[in-house]
Amino acid sequence: MARISIKSLWQSTSRCRLVLLFAAIALAVFFTHVQNYMPISRFQHYGLSLLIFGCGWLLETLLSYKKLNKWARMSYVSTSLYFLTIGGVYFGNAWLGHRISIATEDNMRTERILMITYFIFSMYLAGVWTKWVVEETKNRPNSVQSSKTGS
């Protein structure tokens, strides 16, 4: 069993520290009853958390830009845009909750368009992250690959 030291853990998180920090902040906002402090719908509350999380990805991208390769940059930027746009849509459209609004044909059509759009965006996101993992695996030293085969 390998022992994980604080130093190795710190080094292994070098490319995602801001993401982790903003994820913790987003979780704190998510579990805080924001409605007690300001008039906000449930979906706006979710949107606020997603916006904070997306900001973490954006800041990490900006601060790590020169250290990241092309596919890592694309993955970070795409992930940031994904969470920021979903958060923006949720925050800007309080009517998304079915209990809050009357289901009009326009609202239902907009919901379907949003679902299809974000489904396609998530497939693109999975593809970009997969390409990055494949490229990073290809560029690893042979010692990692040879240790898997047992030689």
C-alpha atoms as a PDB file:
ATOM      1  CA  MET A   1       0.000   0.000   0.000  1.00  0.00           C
ATOM      2  CA  ALA A   2       1.366   3.358  -0.977  1.00  0.00           C
ATOM      3  CA  ARG A   3       1.204   6.114   1.574  1.00  0.00           C
ATOM      4  CA  ILE A   4      -0.104   9.430   0.409  1.00  0.00           C
ATOM      5  CA  SER A   5       1.667  12.365   1.953  1.00  0.00           C
ATOM      6  CA  ILE A   6       0.326  15.883   2.234  1.00  0.00           C
ATOM      7  CA  LYS A   7       3.057  17.071  -0.136  1.00  0.00           C
ATOM      8  CA  SER A   8       2.155  14.538  -2.845  1.00  0.00           C
ATOM      9  CA  LEU A   9      -1.544  15.330  -2.427  1.00  0.00           C
ATOM     10  CA  TRP A  10      -0.789  19.053  -2.755  1.00  0.00           C
ATOM     11  CA  GLN A  11       1.254  18.407  -5.913  1.00  0.00           C
ATOM     12  CA  SER A  12      -1.405  16.175  -7.444  1.00  0.00           C
ATOM     13  CA  THR A  13      -4.027  18.902  -7.058  1.00  0.00           C
ATOM     14  CA  SER A  14      -1.896  21.578  -8.721  1.00  0.00           C
ATOM     15  CA  ARG A  15      -4.183  21.808 -11.766  1.00  0.00           C
ATOM     16  CA  CYS A  16      -7.463  22.001  -9.877  1.00  0.00           C
ATOM     17  CA  ARG A  17      -6.998  23.858  -6.590  1.00  0.00           C
ATOM     18  CA  LEU A  18      -9.237  26.784  -7.536  1.00  0.00           C
ATOM     19  CA  VAL A  19     -11.842  24.394  -8.886  1.00  0.00           C
ATOM     20  CA  LEU A  20     -11.831  22.565  -5.545  1.00  0.00           C
ATOM     21  CA  LEU A  21     -12.028  25.839  -3.597  1.00  0.00           C
ATOM     22  CA  PHE A  22     -14.930  27.135  -5.661  1.00  0.00           C
ATOM     23  CA  ALA A  23     -16.635  23.736  -5.499  1.00  0.00           C
ATOM     24  CA  ALA A  24     -16.542  24.003  -1.705  1.00  0.00           C
ATOM     25  CA  ILE A  25     -17.937  27.543  -1.871  1.00  0.00           C
ATOM     26  CA  ALA A  26     -20.641  26.425  -4.321  1.00  0.00           C
ATOM     27  CA  LEU A  27     -21.594  23.557  -2.005  1.00  0.00           C
ATOM     28  CA  ALA A  28     -21.775  25.960   0.940  1.00  0.00           C
ATOM     29  CA  VAL A  29     -24.088  28.235  -1.063  1.00  0.00           C
ATOM     30  CA  PHE A  30     -26.116  25.229  -2.216  1.00  0.00           C
ATOM     31  CA  PHE A  31     -26.690  24.033   1.356  1.00  0.00           C
ATOM     32  CA  THR A  32     -27.343  27.546   2.690  1.00  0.00           C
ATOM     33  CA  HIS A  33     -30.975  28.621   2.657  1.00  0.00           C
ATOM     34  CA  VAL A  34     -30.396  31.675   0.481  1.00  0.00           C
ATOM     35  CA  GLN A  35     -34.158  32.183   0.333  1.00  0.00           C
ATOM     36  CA  ASN A  36     -34.007  33.373   3.949  1.00  0.00           C
ATOM     37  CA  TYR A  37     -31.857  36.337   2.903  1.00  0.00           C
ATOM     38  CA  MET A  38     -33.224  37.302  -0.496  1.00  0.00           C
ATOM     39  CA  PRO A  39     -36.232  36.465  -2.665  1.00  0.00           C
ATOM     40  CA  ILE A  40     -34.935  33.758  -4.978  1.00  0.00           C
ATOM     41  CA  SER A  41     -36.502  30.673  -6.535  1.00  0.00           C
ATOM     42  CA  ARG A  42     -35.164  27.167  -6.106  1.00  0.00           C
ATOM     43  CA  PHE A  43     -33.738  27.101  -9.647  1.00  0.00           C
ATOM     44  CA  GLN A  44     -32.131  30.510  -9.162  1.00  0.00           C
ATOM     45  CA  HIS A  45     -30.514  29.080  -6.020  1.00  0.00           C
ATOM     46  CA  TYR A  46     -29.162  26.151  -8.089  1.00  0.00           C
ATOM     47  CA  GLY A  47     -28.018  28.621 -10.732  1.00  0.00           C
ATOM     48  CA  LEU A  48     -26.105  30.664  -8.184  1.00  0.00           C
ATOM     49  CA  SER A  49     -24.218  27.566  -7.046  1.00  0.00           C
ATOM     50  CA  LEU A  50     -23.460  26.561 -10.627  1.00  0.00           C
ATOM     51  CA  LEU A  51     -22.251  30.074 -11.467  1.00  0.00           C
ATOM     52  CA  ILE A  52     -19.832  29.979  -8.539  1.00  0.00           C
ATOM     53  CA  PHE A  53     -18.573  26.549  -9.597  1.00  0.00           C
ATOM     54  CA  GLY A  54     -18.154  27.741 -13.202  1.00  0.00           C
ATOM     55  CA  CYS A  55     -16.196  30.765 -11.977  1.00  0.00           C
ATOM     56  CA  GLY A  56     -13.771  28.374 -10.299  1.00  0.00           C
ATOM     57  CA  TRP A  57     -13.172  26.608 -13.613  1.00  0.00           C
ATOM     58  CA  LEU A  58     -12.752  29.949 -15.382  1.00  0.00           C
ATOM     59  CA  LEU A  59     -10.247  31.284 -12.842  1.00  0.00           C
ATOM     60  CA  GLU A  60      -8.305  28.012 -12.883  1.00  0.00           C
ATOM     61  CA  THR A  61      -8.179  28.209 -16.676  1.00  0.00           C
ATOM     62  CA  LEU A  62      -6.934  31.787 -16.643  1.00  0.00           C
ATOM     63  CA  LEU A  63      -4.270  31.187 -14.001  1.00  0.00           C
ATOM     64  CA  SER A  64      -3.052  27.864 -15.430  1.00  0.00           C
ATOM     65  CA  TYR A  65      -3.359  28.736 -19.106  1.00  0.00           C
ATOM     66  CA  LYS A  66       0.365  28.618 -19.928  1.00  0.00           C
ATOM     67  CA  LYS A  67       0.899  25.360 -18.014  1.00  0.00           C
ATOM     68  CA  LEU A  68      -1.917  23.512 -19.802  1.00  0.00           C
ATOM     69  CA  ASN A  69      -1.681  21.835 -23.185  1.00  0.00           C
ATOM     70  CA  LYS A  70      -4.192  22.454 -25.971  1.00  0.00           C
ATOM     71  CA  TRP A  71      -6.668  19.749 -24.954  1.00  0.00           C
ATOM     72  CA  ALA A  72      -6.471  20.643 -21.270  1.00  0.00           C
ATOM     73  CA  ARG A  73      -7.263  24.261 -22.139  1.00  0.00           C
ATOM     74  CA  MET A  74     -10.194  23.214 -24.288  1.00  0.00           C
ATOM     75  CA  SER A  75     -11.475  20.949 -21.513  1.00  0.00           C
ATOM     76  CA  TYR A  76     -11.197  23.662 -18.864  1.00  0.00           C
ATOM     77  CA  VAL A  77     -12.735  26.388 -21.040  1.00  0.00           C
ATOM     78  CA  SER A  78     -15.562  24.080 -22.173  1.00  0.00           C
ATOM     79  CA  THR A  79     -16.301  22.973 -18.616  1.00  0.00           C
ATOM     80  CA  SER A  80     -16.301  26.574 -17.464  1.00  0.00           C
ATOM     81  CA  LEU A  81     -18.710  27.597 -20.238  1.00  0.00           C
ATOM     82  CA  TYR A  82     -20.924  24.601 -19.495  1.00  0.00           C
ATOM     83  CA  PHE A  83     -21.400  25.430 -15.817  1.00  0.00           C
ATOM     84  CA  LEU A  84     -21.549  29.199 -16.358  1.00  0.00           C
ATOM     85  CA  THR A  85     -24.244  28.930 -19.025  1.00  0.00           C
ATOM     86  CA  ILE A  86     -26.329  26.438 -17.084  1.00  0.00           C
ATOM     87  CA  GLY A  87     -25.974  28.586 -13.973  1.00  0.00           C
ATOM     88  CA  GLY A  88     -26.877  31.700 -15.953  1.00  0.00           C
ATOM     89  CA  VAL A  89     -29.938  30.063 -17.474  1.00  0.00           C
ATOM     90  CA  TYR A  90     -31.126  28.760 -14.104  1.00  0.00           C
ATOM     91  CA  PHE A  91     -30.456  32.072 -12.374  1.00  0.00           C
ATOM     92  CA  GLY A  92     -32.089  34.159 -15.095  1.00  0.00           C
ATOM     93  CA  ASN A  93     -35.208  32.034 -15.492  1.00  0.00           C
ATOM     94  CA  ALA A  94     -37.106  31.641 -12.257  1.00  0.00           C
ATOM     95  CA  TRP A  95     -39.996  30.052 -14.170  1.00  0.00           C
ATOM     96  CA  LEU A  96     -38.075  26.799 -14.726  1.00  0.00           C
ATOM     97  CA  GLY A  97     -39.641  25.218 -11.665  1.00  0.00           C
ATOM     98  CA  HIS A  98     -42.884  23.439 -12.542  1.00  0.00           C
ATOM     99  CA  ARG A  99     -44.480  24.323  -9.216  1.00  0.00           C
ATOM    100  CA  ILE A 100     -43.609  27.995  -9.626  1.00  0.00           C
ATOM    101  CA  SER A 101     -44.953  28.767 -13.064  1.00  0.00           C
ATOM    102  CA  ILE A 102     -47.881  27.887 -15.192  1.00  0.00           C
ATOM    103  CA  ALA A 103     -46.765  25.511 -17.926  1.00  0.00           C
ATOM    104  CA  THR A 104     -47.293  27.493 -21.105  1.00  0.00           C
ATOM    105  CA  GLU A 105     -46.433  26.166 -24.543  1.00  0.00           C
ATOM    106  CA  ASP A 106     -43.547  28.655 -24.817  1.00  0.00           C
ATOM    107  CA  ASN A 107     -42.111  27.548 -21.474  1.00  0.00           C
ATOM    108  CA  MET A 108     -42.382  23.873 -22.406  1.00  0.00           C
ATOM    109  CA  ARG A 109     -40.726  24.490 -25.782  1.00  0.00           C
ATOM    110  CA  THR A 110     -37.923  26.470 -24.154  1.00  0.00           C
ATOM    111  CA  GLU A 111     -37.372  23.694 -21.609  1.00  0.00           C
ATOM    112  CA  ARG A 112     -37.111  21.103 -24.379  1.00  0.00           C
ATOM    113  CA  ILE A 113     -34.658  23.265 -26.316  1.00  0.00           C
ATOM    114  CA  LEU A 114     -32.558  23.753 -23.182  1.00  0.00           C
ATOM    115  CA  MET A 115     -32.545  20.025 -22.428  1.00  0.00           C
ATOM    116  CA  ILE A 116     -31.481  19.118 -25.962  1.00  0.00           C
ATOM    117  CA  THR A 117     -28.858  21.876 -26.062  1.00  0.00           C
ATOM    118  CA  TYR A 118     -27.271  20.882 -22.770  1.00  0.00           C
ATOM    119  CA  PHE A 119     -27.404  17.197 -23.665  1.00  0.00           C
ATOM    120  CA  ILE A 120     -25.461  17.927 -26.859  1.00  0.00           C
ATOM    121  CA  PHE A 121     -23.096  20.220 -24.930  1.00  0.00           C
ATOM    122  CA  SER A 122     -22.468  17.469 -22.371  1.00  0.00           C
ATOM    123  CA  MET A 123     -21.654  14.986 -25.158  1.00  0.00           C
ATOM    124  CA  TYR A 124     -19.187  17.509 -26.614  1.00  0.00           C
ATOM    125  CA  LEU A 125     -17.723  18.007 -23.138  1.00  0.00           C
ATOM    126  CA  ALA A 126     -17.271  14.269 -22.659  1.00  0.00           C
ATOM    127  CA  GLY A 127     -15.537  14.082 -26.040  1.00  0.00           C
ATOM    128  CA  VAL A 128     -13.115  16.905 -25.247  1.00  0.00           C
ATOM    129  CA  TRP A 129     -12.216  15.430 -21.855  1.00  0.00           C
ATOM    130  CA  THR A 130     -11.790  11.984 -23.418  1.00  0.00           C
ATOM    131  CA  LYS A 131      -9.486  13.399 -26.098  1.00  0.00           C
ATOM    132  CA  TRP A 132      -7.427  15.129 -23.411  1.00  0.00           C
ATOM    133  CA  VAL A 133      -7.085  11.902 -21.397  1.00  0.00           C
ATOM    134  CA  VAL A 134      -6.088   9.962 -24.532  1.00  0.00           C
ATOM    135  CA  GLU A 135      -3.500  12.591 -25.511  1.00  0.00           C
ATOM    136  CA  GLU A 136      -2.073  12.730 -21.995  1.00  0.00           C
ATOM    137  CA  THR A 137      -1.860   8.951 -21.837  1.00  0.00           C
ATOM    138  CA  LYS A 138      -0.042   8.878 -25.192  1.00  0.00           C
ATOM    139  CA  ASN A 139       2.484  11.456 -24.006  1.00  0.00           C
ATOM    140  CA  ARG A 140       3.349   9.687 -20.748  1.00  0.00           C
ATOM    141  CA  PRO A 141       6.792   8.178 -20.390  1.00  0.00           C
ATOM    142  CA  ASN A 142       7.068   4.492 -21.283  1.00  0.00           C
ATOM    143  CA  SER A 143       7.851   3.633 -17.667  1.00  0.00           C
ATOM    144  CA  VAL A 144       4.209   4.032 -16.718  1.00  0.00           C
ATOM    145  CA  GLN A 145       3.011   1.843 -19.575  1.00  0.00           C
ATOM    146  CA  SER A 146       5.685  -0.811 -18.959  1.00  0.00           C
ATOM    147  CA  SER A 147       4.781  -1.004 -15.259  1.00  0.00           C
ATOM    148  CA  LYS A 148       1.238  -1.941 -16.267  1.00  0.00           C
ATOM    149  CA  THR A 149       2.452  -4.858 -18.351  1.00  0.00           C
ATOM    150  CA  GLY A 150       4.690  -6.097 -15.559  1.00  0.00           C
ATOM    151  CA  SER A 151       8.067  -5.571 -17.221  1.00  0.00           C
END
